Amino acid sequence: MADLAKVMGLDVPAGGVPTKEFFVPLVYAGEDPWFIYGDFYTFAMTTINDHCHFDFKVPHDFTTLTHCKFVYITRCDATPGSWDWTVTTDFAADGETYNIHSDSDTGNNEAFALSANQMTTLDISAAFTGLAADDYVGVKVNMDAINGTGVKYVYPLGLVFKYS
């Protein structure tokens, strides 16, 4: 099986089980207007409590989470800066209360790339403790603070969910 997976170009970790991944696009973005940034449909997270949401279903063949990453574009002027964030999640299977599983993760001083328009990922896997196959998942990413002076934006795009 592992040899066939390698021939097919799948990522095969040491355990011999290939990993799979999918992209979850942005579903909701606070109260700010959406717009086109380059060729990406997004909005600008610029102030405290700006937030965005994602919804998806965990695949039936899910066993283990490899990672879940928040994908975004940064915009920063020549002044260094960073942002603080909180991710909250609710997840449940069909027939369960929607928030039977709730989790969160936080980060402080996540650096802005000083080169404008930098594609960036942030690992938010810690917010998925107890996740199971066929769970329905809601994710909220909240901007808690912007640190530094000058122009600093986060343009959210989606989540990359990788599993085996």
N, C-alpha and C. Protein backbone atom coordinates (compact mmCIF):
# COMPACT_ATOMS: atom_id res chain seq x y z
N MET A 1 0.83 -1.20 0.00
CA MET A 1 0.00 0.00 0.00
C MET A 1 0.87 1.25 0.00
N ALA A 2 1.90 1.29 0.85
CA ALA A 2 2.75 2.48 0.93
C ALA A 2 3.47 2.73 -0.40
N ASP A 3 3.94 1.65 -1.07
CA ASP A 3 4.61 1.83 -2.35
C ASP A 3 3.67 2.39 -3.41
N LEU A 4 2.44 1.89 -3.44
CA LEU A 4 1.45 2.39 -4.38
C LEU A 4 1.15 3.86 -4.10
N ALA A 5 1.04 4.23 -2.84
CA ALA A 5 0.78 5.62 -2.47
C ALA A 5 1.91 6.53 -2.93
N LYS A 6 3.15 6.07 -2.80
CA LYS A 6 4.29 6.88 -3.25
C LYS A 6 4.25 7.07 -4.76
N VAL A 7 3.91 6.01 -5.49
CA VAL A 7 3.81 6.09 -6.95
C VAL A 7 2.73 7.10 -7.35
N MET A 8 1.65 7.16 -6.56
CA MET A 8 0.55 8.07 -6.84
C MET A 8 0.85 9.49 -6.37
N GLY A 9 2.00 9.68 -5.71
CA GLY A 9 2.39 11.02 -5.27
C GLY A 9 1.80 11.42 -3.93
N LEU A 10 1.30 10.46 -3.16
CA LEU A 10 0.74 10.78 -1.85
C LEU A 10 1.86 10.87 -0.82
N ASP A 11 1.65 11.71 0.18
CA ASP A 11 2.59 11.84 1.29
C ASP A 11 2.42 10.63 2.20
N VAL A 12 3.47 9.83 2.38
CA VAL A 12 3.39 8.63 3.20
C VAL A 12 4.33 8.77 4.39
N PRO A 13 3.79 8.95 5.60
CA PRO A 13 4.65 9.06 6.78
C PRO A 13 5.25 7.70 7.15
N ALA A 14 6.09 7.70 8.18
CA ALA A 14 6.81 6.49 8.59
C ALA A 14 5.89 5.33 8.88
N GLY A 15 4.68 5.58 9.37
CA GLY A 15 3.74 4.51 9.71
C GLY A 15 3.15 3.82 8.50
N GLY A 16 3.37 4.35 7.30
CA GLY A 16 2.90 3.70 6.09
C GLY A 16 1.50 4.09 5.66
N VAL A 17 0.81 4.96 6.41
CA VAL A 17 -0.54 5.38 6.05
C VAL A 17 -0.44 6.75 5.37
N PRO A 18 -0.91 6.85 4.13
CA PRO A 18 -0.80 8.13 3.43
C PRO A 18 -1.66 9.22 4.08
N THR A 19 -1.17 10.44 4.01
CA THR A 19 -1.97 11.57 4.51
C THR A 19 -2.77 12.16 3.36
N LYS A 20 -3.85 12.82 3.73
CA LYS A 20 -4.72 13.48 2.76
C LYS A 20 -4.95 14.89 3.27
N GLU A 21 -5.30 15.80 2.37
CA GLU A 21 -5.61 17.14 2.82
C GLU A 21 -6.68 17.76 1.94
N PHE A 22 -7.35 18.74 2.52
CA PHE A 22 -8.32 19.52 1.76
C PHE A 22 -8.30 20.95 2.25
N PHE A 23 -8.84 21.85 1.42
CA PHE A 23 -8.88 23.27 1.73
C PHE A 23 -10.31 23.66 2.06
N VAL A 24 -10.46 24.46 3.12
CA VAL A 24 -11.76 24.97 3.54
C VAL A 24 -11.77 26.48 3.30
N PRO A 25 -12.57 26.98 2.37
CA PRO A 25 -12.57 28.42 2.11
C PRO A 25 -13.27 29.21 3.21
N LEU A 26 -12.96 30.48 3.28
CA LEU A 26 -13.57 31.41 4.20
C LEU A 26 -15.09 31.42 4.00
N VAL A 27 -15.84 31.36 5.11
CA VAL A 27 -17.30 31.34 5.04
C VAL A 27 -17.91 32.67 5.44
N TYR A 28 -17.39 33.27 6.50
CA TYR A 28 -17.94 34.52 7.02
C TYR A 28 -16.81 35.37 7.56
N ALA A 29 -16.93 36.69 7.40
CA ALA A 29 -15.86 37.57 7.83
C ALA A 29 -16.41 38.80 8.54
N GLY A 30 -16.79 38.65 9.80
CA GLY A 30 -17.18 39.79 10.62
C GLY A 30 -18.16 40.72 9.93
N GLU A 31 -18.05 41.98 10.24
CA GLU A 31 -18.96 42.98 9.70
C GLU A 31 -18.34 43.75 8.53
N ASP A 32 -17.05 43.55 8.29
CA ASP A 32 -16.37 44.31 7.24
C ASP A 32 -16.78 43.84 5.85
N PRO A 33 -16.73 44.73 4.87
CA PRO A 33 -17.08 44.32 3.50
C PRO A 33 -16.02 43.39 2.89
N TRP A 34 -16.48 42.45 2.11
CA TRP A 34 -15.59 41.57 1.38
C TRP A 34 -15.10 42.30 0.14
N PHE A 35 -13.94 41.92 -0.36
CA PHE A 35 -13.42 42.52 -1.58
C PHE A 35 -12.41 41.58 -2.22
N ILE A 36 -11.97 41.95 -3.40
CA ILE A 36 -10.97 41.18 -4.12
C ILE A 36 -9.61 41.77 -3.78
N TYR A 37 -8.69 40.90 -3.30
CA TYR A 37 -7.31 41.30 -3.02
C TYR A 37 -6.43 40.48 -3.95
N GLY A 38 -5.90 41.12 -4.97
CA GLY A 38 -5.28 40.35 -6.06
C GLY A 38 -6.41 39.60 -6.74
N ASP A 39 -6.33 38.28 -6.77
CA ASP A 39 -7.42 37.46 -7.29
C ASP A 39 -8.09 36.66 -6.18
N PHE A 40 -7.87 37.05 -4.92
CA PHE A 40 -8.44 36.35 -3.78
C PHE A 40 -9.65 37.11 -3.24
N TYR A 41 -10.73 36.39 -2.98
CA TYR A 41 -11.92 36.96 -2.37
C TYR A 41 -11.75 36.88 -0.86
N THR A 42 -11.67 38.01 -0.18
CA THR A 42 -11.33 38.03 1.24
C THR A 42 -11.89 39.29 1.89
N PHE A 43 -11.38 39.62 3.06
CA PHE A 43 -11.67 40.89 3.72
C PHE A 43 -10.47 41.20 4.60
N ALA A 44 -10.39 42.41 5.13
CA ALA A 44 -9.23 42.83 5.91
C ALA A 44 -9.54 42.76 7.40
N MET A 45 -8.78 41.95 8.13
CA MET A 45 -8.82 41.97 9.59
C MET A 45 -7.80 43.03 10.02
N THR A 46 -8.30 44.12 10.60
CA THR A 46 -7.43 45.26 10.90
C THR A 46 -7.55 45.76 12.33
N THR A 47 -8.61 45.37 13.03
CA THR A 47 -8.83 45.90 14.37
C THR A 47 -9.17 44.79 15.35
N ILE A 48 -9.07 45.11 16.62
CA ILE A 48 -9.39 44.14 17.68
C ILE A 48 -10.82 43.63 17.49
N ASN A 49 -10.96 42.33 17.64
CA ASN A 49 -12.22 41.58 17.51
C ASN A 49 -12.70 41.40 16.08
N ASP A 50 -11.92 41.80 15.08
CA ASP A 50 -12.23 41.34 13.72
C ASP A 50 -12.10 39.82 13.74
N HIS A 51 -12.98 39.13 13.03
CA HIS A 51 -12.97 37.67 13.08
C HIS A 51 -13.49 37.08 11.77
N CYS A 52 -13.20 35.80 11.60
CA CYS A 52 -13.69 35.08 10.43
C CYS A 52 -14.07 33.66 10.85
N HIS A 53 -14.90 33.02 10.03
CA HIS A 53 -15.44 31.70 10.37
C HIS A 53 -15.28 30.72 9.20
N PHE A 54 -15.21 29.45 9.58
CA PHE A 54 -15.10 28.35 8.63
C PHE A 54 -15.96 27.20 9.12
N ASP A 55 -16.61 26.47 8.22
CA ASP A 55 -17.39 25.29 8.54
C ASP A 55 -16.99 24.16 7.62
N PHE A 56 -16.88 22.95 8.16
CA PHE A 56 -16.59 21.79 7.32
C PHE A 56 -16.97 20.51 8.04
N LYS A 57 -16.95 19.42 7.31
CA LYS A 57 -17.22 18.09 7.87
C LYS A 57 -15.93 17.28 7.79
N VAL A 58 -15.59 16.62 8.89
CA VAL A 58 -14.41 15.76 8.93
C VAL A 58 -14.69 14.52 8.08
N PRO A 59 -13.77 14.14 7.20
CA PRO A 59 -14.01 13.00 6.32
C PRO A 59 -14.24 11.68 7.09
N HIS A 60 -14.97 10.80 6.44
CA HIS A 60 -15.31 9.50 7.02
C HIS A 60 -14.06 8.65 7.31
N ASP A 61 -12.99 8.83 6.52
CA ASP A 61 -11.78 8.02 6.70
C ASP A 61 -10.75 8.66 7.64
N PHE A 62 -11.15 9.71 8.36
CA PHE A 62 -10.25 10.40 9.30
C PHE A 62 -9.90 9.49 10.47
N THR A 63 -8.60 9.45 10.81
CA THR A 63 -8.13 8.77 12.00
C THR A 63 -7.35 9.72 12.90
N THR A 64 -6.39 10.44 12.30
CA THR A 64 -5.50 11.31 13.07
C THR A 64 -5.31 12.64 12.34
N LEU A 65 -5.32 13.72 13.12
CA LEU A 65 -5.05 15.04 12.56
C LEU A 65 -3.55 15.24 12.43
N THR A 66 -3.08 15.52 11.22
CA THR A 66 -1.68 15.86 11.00
C THR A 66 -1.48 17.34 11.31
N HIS A 67 -2.33 18.19 10.73
CA HIS A 67 -2.36 19.61 11.10
C HIS A 67 -3.59 20.28 10.50
N CYS A 68 -3.95 21.38 11.11
CA CYS A 68 -4.93 22.29 10.54
C CYS A 68 -4.29 23.66 10.58
N LYS A 69 -4.15 24.30 9.42
CA LYS A 69 -3.47 25.59 9.33
C LYS A 69 -4.41 26.66 8.79
N PHE A 70 -4.39 27.81 9.44
CA PHE A 70 -5.09 29.00 8.99
C PHE A 70 -4.21 29.65 7.92
N VAL A 71 -4.77 29.89 6.73
CA VAL A 71 -4.03 30.45 5.61
C VAL A 71 -4.47 31.91 5.42
N TYR A 72 -3.50 32.82 5.36
CA TYR A 72 -3.82 34.23 5.20
C TYR A 72 -2.68 34.97 4.51
N ILE A 73 -3.00 36.16 4.04
CA ILE A 73 -2.02 37.05 3.44
C ILE A 73 -1.79 38.19 4.42
N THR A 74 -0.53 38.54 4.66
CA THR A 74 -0.24 39.68 5.53
C THR A 74 0.09 40.90 4.69
N ARG A 75 -0.24 42.05 5.26
CA ARG A 75 0.16 43.31 4.66
C ARG A 75 0.75 44.15 5.79
N CYS A 76 1.96 44.60 5.60
CA CYS A 76 2.65 45.34 6.64
C CYS A 76 3.53 46.38 5.99
N ASP A 77 3.55 47.59 6.56
CA ASP A 77 4.47 48.60 6.06
C ASP A 77 5.87 48.30 6.60
N ALA A 78 6.75 49.21 6.51
CA ALA A 78 8.15 48.98 6.90
C ALA A 78 8.36 48.88 8.41
N THR A 79 7.31 49.10 9.20
CA THR A 79 7.43 49.03 10.65
C THR A 79 7.10 47.62 11.13
N PRO A 80 8.01 46.96 11.85
CA PRO A 80 7.72 45.61 12.34
C PRO A 80 6.49 45.60 13.25
N GLY A 81 5.83 44.48 13.29
CA GLY A 81 4.65 44.35 14.14
C GLY A 81 4.26 42.90 14.28
N SER A 82 3.19 42.68 15.03
CA SER A 82 2.69 41.33 15.24
C SER A 82 1.21 41.41 15.59
N TRP A 83 0.56 40.25 15.69
CA TRP A 83 -0.83 40.21 16.11
C TRP A 83 -1.05 39.09 17.08
N ASP A 84 -2.02 39.26 17.97
CA ASP A 84 -2.44 38.24 18.92
C ASP A 84 -3.77 37.68 18.42
N TRP A 85 -3.99 36.39 18.61
CA TRP A 85 -5.18 35.75 18.05
C TRP A 85 -5.73 34.69 19.00
N THR A 86 -6.99 34.37 18.81
CA THR A 86 -7.65 33.26 19.49
C THR A 86 -8.45 32.49 18.46
N VAL A 87 -8.35 31.18 18.50
CA VAL A 87 -9.16 30.30 17.66
C VAL A 87 -10.08 29.51 18.59
N THR A 88 -11.36 29.50 18.28
CA THR A 88 -12.31 28.67 19.03
C THR A 88 -12.98 27.72 18.05
N THR A 89 -13.31 26.52 18.55
CA THR A 89 -13.95 25.52 17.71
C THR A 89 -15.11 24.87 18.46
N ASP A 90 -16.11 24.48 17.73
CA ASP A 90 -17.19 23.62 18.20
C ASP A 90 -17.29 22.49 17.19
N PHE A 91 -17.47 21.26 17.70
CA PHE A 91 -17.65 20.16 16.76
C PHE A 91 -18.45 19.03 17.39
N ALA A 92 -19.21 18.34 16.53
CA ALA A 92 -20.10 17.27 16.98
C ALA A 92 -20.50 16.42 15.78
N ALA A 93 -20.90 15.20 16.07
CA ALA A 93 -21.40 14.30 15.04
C ALA A 93 -22.92 14.46 14.91
N ASP A 94 -23.47 13.89 13.86
CA ASP A 94 -24.91 13.90 13.64
C ASP A 94 -25.60 13.33 14.88
N GLY A 95 -26.61 14.02 15.40
CA GLY A 95 -27.36 13.55 16.56
C GLY A 95 -26.81 14.05 17.90
N GLU A 96 -25.64 14.72 17.88
CA GLU A 96 -25.06 15.27 19.11
C GLU A 96 -25.35 16.77 19.19
N THR A 97 -25.27 17.32 20.40
CA THR A 97 -25.38 18.75 20.58
C THR A 97 -24.25 19.43 19.82
N TYR A 98 -24.53 20.52 19.11
CA TYR A 98 -23.55 21.13 18.20
C TYR A 98 -22.23 21.49 18.86
N ASN A 99 -22.24 21.77 20.15
CA ASN A 99 -21.00 22.17 20.83
C ASN A 99 -20.59 21.17 21.91
N ILE A 100 -20.92 19.90 21.70
CA ILE A 100 -20.54 18.88 22.67
C ILE A 100 -19.02 18.85 22.85
N HIS A 101 -18.30 19.21 21.80
CA HIS A 101 -16.84 19.36 21.87
C HIS A 101 -16.52 20.81 21.53
N SER A 102 -15.88 21.51 22.45
CA SER A 102 -15.42 22.88 22.21
C SER A 102 -13.96 22.95 22.61
N ASP A 103 -13.19 23.70 21.86
CA ASP A 103 -11.77 23.80 22.14
C ASP A 103 -11.29 25.18 21.71
N SER A 104 -10.05 25.50 22.04
CA SER A 104 -9.49 26.80 21.65
C SER A 104 -7.98 26.74 21.64
N ASP A 105 -7.40 27.74 21.03
CA ASP A 105 -5.95 27.93 21.00
C ASP A 105 -5.70 29.42 20.88
N THR A 106 -4.60 29.89 21.46
CA THR A 106 -4.27 31.31 21.38
C THR A 106 -2.81 31.47 21.02
N GLY A 107 -2.50 32.62 20.48
CA GLY A 107 -1.12 32.94 20.15
C GLY A 107 -0.87 34.42 20.34
N ASN A 108 0.31 34.74 20.78
CA ASN A 108 0.69 36.14 20.98
C ASN A 108 1.91 36.46 20.13
N ASN A 109 1.93 37.68 19.65
CA ASN A 109 3.07 38.21 18.90
C ASN A 109 3.40 37.40 17.66
N GLU A 110 2.37 36.98 16.92
CA GLU A 110 2.58 36.32 15.63
C GLU A 110 3.08 37.39 14.67
N ALA A 111 4.27 37.23 14.17
CA ALA A 111 4.93 38.28 13.39
C ALA A 111 4.26 38.49 12.04
N PHE A 112 4.21 39.76 11.61
CA PHE A 112 3.81 40.09 10.26
C PHE A 112 5.05 40.00 9.38
N ALA A 113 4.88 39.44 8.21
CA ALA A 113 5.99 39.42 7.26
C ALA A 113 6.24 40.85 6.79
N LEU A 114 7.48 41.27 6.78
CA LEU A 114 7.79 42.63 6.37
C LEU A 114 7.70 42.82 4.87
N SER A 115 7.74 41.72 4.12
CA SER A 115 7.51 41.87 2.69
C SER A 115 6.00 41.86 2.47
N ALA A 116 5.52 42.83 1.75
CA ALA A 116 4.08 42.97 1.54
C ALA A 116 3.51 41.75 0.84
N ASN A 117 2.28 41.46 1.16
CA ASN A 117 1.51 40.42 0.47
C ASN A 117 2.08 39.02 0.65
N GLN A 118 2.60 38.73 1.83
CA GLN A 118 3.20 37.43 2.13
C GLN A 118 2.13 36.39 2.44
N MET A 119 2.11 35.28 1.70
CA MET A 119 1.22 34.17 2.01
C MET A 119 1.77 33.50 3.26
N THR A 120 0.90 33.31 4.27
CA THR A 120 1.34 32.83 5.58
C THR A 120 0.39 31.76 6.08
N THR A 121 0.92 30.79 6.83
CA THR A 121 0.07 29.80 7.50
C THR A 121 0.36 29.82 8.99
N LEU A 122 -0.66 29.50 9.75
CA LEU A 122 -0.58 29.47 11.20
C LEU A 122 -1.18 28.16 11.66
N ASP A 123 -0.42 27.33 12.37
CA ASP A 123 -0.90 26.03 12.82
C ASP A 123 -1.87 26.22 13.99
N ILE A 124 -3.12 25.82 13.80
CA ILE A 124 -4.15 25.94 14.84
C ILE A 124 -4.64 24.56 15.30
N SER A 125 -3.83 23.54 15.09
CA SER A 125 -4.21 22.16 15.39
C SER A 125 -4.61 21.94 16.84
N ALA A 126 -4.05 22.72 17.76
CA ALA A 126 -4.34 22.53 19.18
C ALA A 126 -5.81 22.78 19.52
N ALA A 127 -6.55 23.40 18.62
CA ALA A 127 -7.97 23.70 18.87
C ALA A 127 -8.90 22.58 18.42
N PHE A 128 -8.36 21.38 18.18
CA PHE A 128 -9.18 20.27 17.66
C PHE A 128 -9.06 19.01 18.51
N THR A 129 -8.85 19.14 19.80
CA THR A 129 -8.72 17.98 20.69
C THR A 129 -10.01 17.18 20.72
N GLY A 130 -9.92 15.89 20.45
CA GLY A 130 -11.09 15.02 20.48
C GLY A 130 -11.85 14.92 19.18
N LEU A 131 -11.32 15.50 18.12
CA LEU A 131 -11.97 15.47 16.81
C LEU A 131 -12.10 14.04 16.31
N ALA A 132 -13.22 13.72 15.68
CA ALA A 132 -13.46 12.36 15.19
C ALA A 132 -14.02 12.39 13.76
N ALA A 133 -13.92 11.26 13.09
CA ALA A 133 -14.48 11.12 11.75
C ALA A 133 -15.96 11.50 11.77
N ASP A 134 -16.40 12.18 10.73
CA ASP A 134 -17.79 12.57 10.51
C ASP A 134 -18.29 13.69 11.43
N ASP A 135 -17.40 14.32 12.20
CA ASP A 135 -17.80 15.48 12.99
C ASP A 135 -18.06 16.67 12.06
N TYR A 136 -19.01 17.49 12.42
CA TYR A 136 -19.24 18.78 11.77
C TYR A 136 -18.51 19.81 12.62
N VAL A 137 -17.76 20.71 11.96
CA VAL A 137 -16.86 21.61 12.68
C VAL A 137 -17.14 23.07 12.32
N GLY A 138 -17.16 23.91 13.35
CA GLY A 138 -17.21 25.35 13.19
C GLY A 138 -15.94 25.94 13.79
N VAL A 139 -15.30 26.87 13.08
CA VAL A 139 -14.04 27.47 13.52
C VAL A 139 -14.17 28.99 13.45
N LYS A 140 -13.73 29.66 14.51
CA LYS A 140 -13.67 31.13 14.53
C LYS A 140 -12.24 31.55 14.82
N VAL A 141 -11.69 32.43 13.98
CA VAL A 141 -10.38 33.03 14.21
C VAL A 141 -10.63 34.49 14.56
N ASN A 142 -10.16 34.91 15.73
CA ASN A 142 -10.39 36.27 16.23
C ASN A 142 -9.06 37.01 16.37
N MET A 143 -9.05 38.26 15.93
CA MET A 143 -7.88 39.12 16.13
C MET A 143 -8.03 39.78 17.50
N ASP A 144 -7.13 39.44 18.43
CA ASP A 144 -7.20 39.97 19.80
C ASP A 144 -6.46 41.29 19.95
N ALA A 145 -5.39 41.48 19.18
CA ALA A 145 -4.61 42.71 19.27
C ALA A 145 -3.71 42.84 18.05
N ILE A 146 -3.38 44.07 17.71
CA ILE A 146 -2.35 44.36 16.72
C ILE A 146 -1.26 45.12 17.46
N ASN A 147 -0.04 44.63 17.35
CA ASN A 147 1.07 45.20 18.09
C ASN A 147 2.01 45.93 17.14
N GLY A 148 2.41 47.13 17.49
CA GLY A 148 3.29 47.93 16.64
C GLY A 148 2.52 49.07 16.00
N THR A 149 3.23 49.86 15.24
CA THR A 149 2.60 51.01 14.59
C THR A 149 2.57 50.78 13.09
N GLY A 150 1.83 51.61 12.39
CA GLY A 150 1.78 51.51 10.93
C GLY A 150 0.67 50.61 10.45
N VAL A 151 0.70 50.34 9.16
CA VAL A 151 -0.34 49.56 8.51
C VAL A 151 -0.08 48.07 8.71
N LYS A 152 -1.06 47.35 9.24
CA LYS A 152 -0.94 45.91 9.45
C LYS A 152 -2.31 45.27 9.20
N TYR A 153 -2.37 44.38 8.22
CA TYR A 153 -3.62 43.70 7.87
C TYR A 153 -3.40 42.20 7.81
N VAL A 154 -4.46 41.46 8.13
CA VAL A 154 -4.53 40.02 7.90
C VAL A 154 -5.69 39.80 6.94
N TYR A 155 -5.40 39.18 5.79
CA TYR A 155 -6.43 38.85 4.81
C TYR A 155 -6.66 37.34 4.86
N PRO A 156 -7.71 36.87 5.55
CA PRO A 156 -7.93 35.42 5.67
C PRO A 156 -8.39 34.80 4.36
N LEU A 157 -7.90 33.58 4.10
CA LEU A 157 -8.28 32.86 2.88
C LEU A 157 -8.98 31.55 3.18
N GLY A 158 -8.48 30.77 4.17
CA GLY A 158 -9.09 29.48 4.44
C GLY A 158 -8.26 28.67 5.42
N LEU A 159 -8.59 27.38 5.48
CA LEU A 159 -7.90 26.41 6.32
C LEU A 159 -7.38 25.27 5.46
N VAL A 160 -6.21 24.77 5.79
CA VAL A 160 -5.70 23.54 5.18
C VAL A 160 -5.78 22.47 6.26
N PHE A 161 -6.56 21.43 5.99
CA PHE A 161 -6.79 20.34 6.94
C PHE A 161 -6.09 19.10 6.40
N LYS A 162 -5.07 18.62 7.12
CA LYS A 162 -4.30 17.46 6.70
C LYS A 162 -4.46 16.35 7.74
N TYR A 163 -4.73 15.14 7.26
CA TYR A 163 -5.05 14.03 8.17
C TYR A 163 -4.62 12.69 7.59
N SER A 164 -4.67 11.68 8.44
CA SER A 164 -4.49 10.31 7.96
C SER A 164 -5.60 9.47 8.56
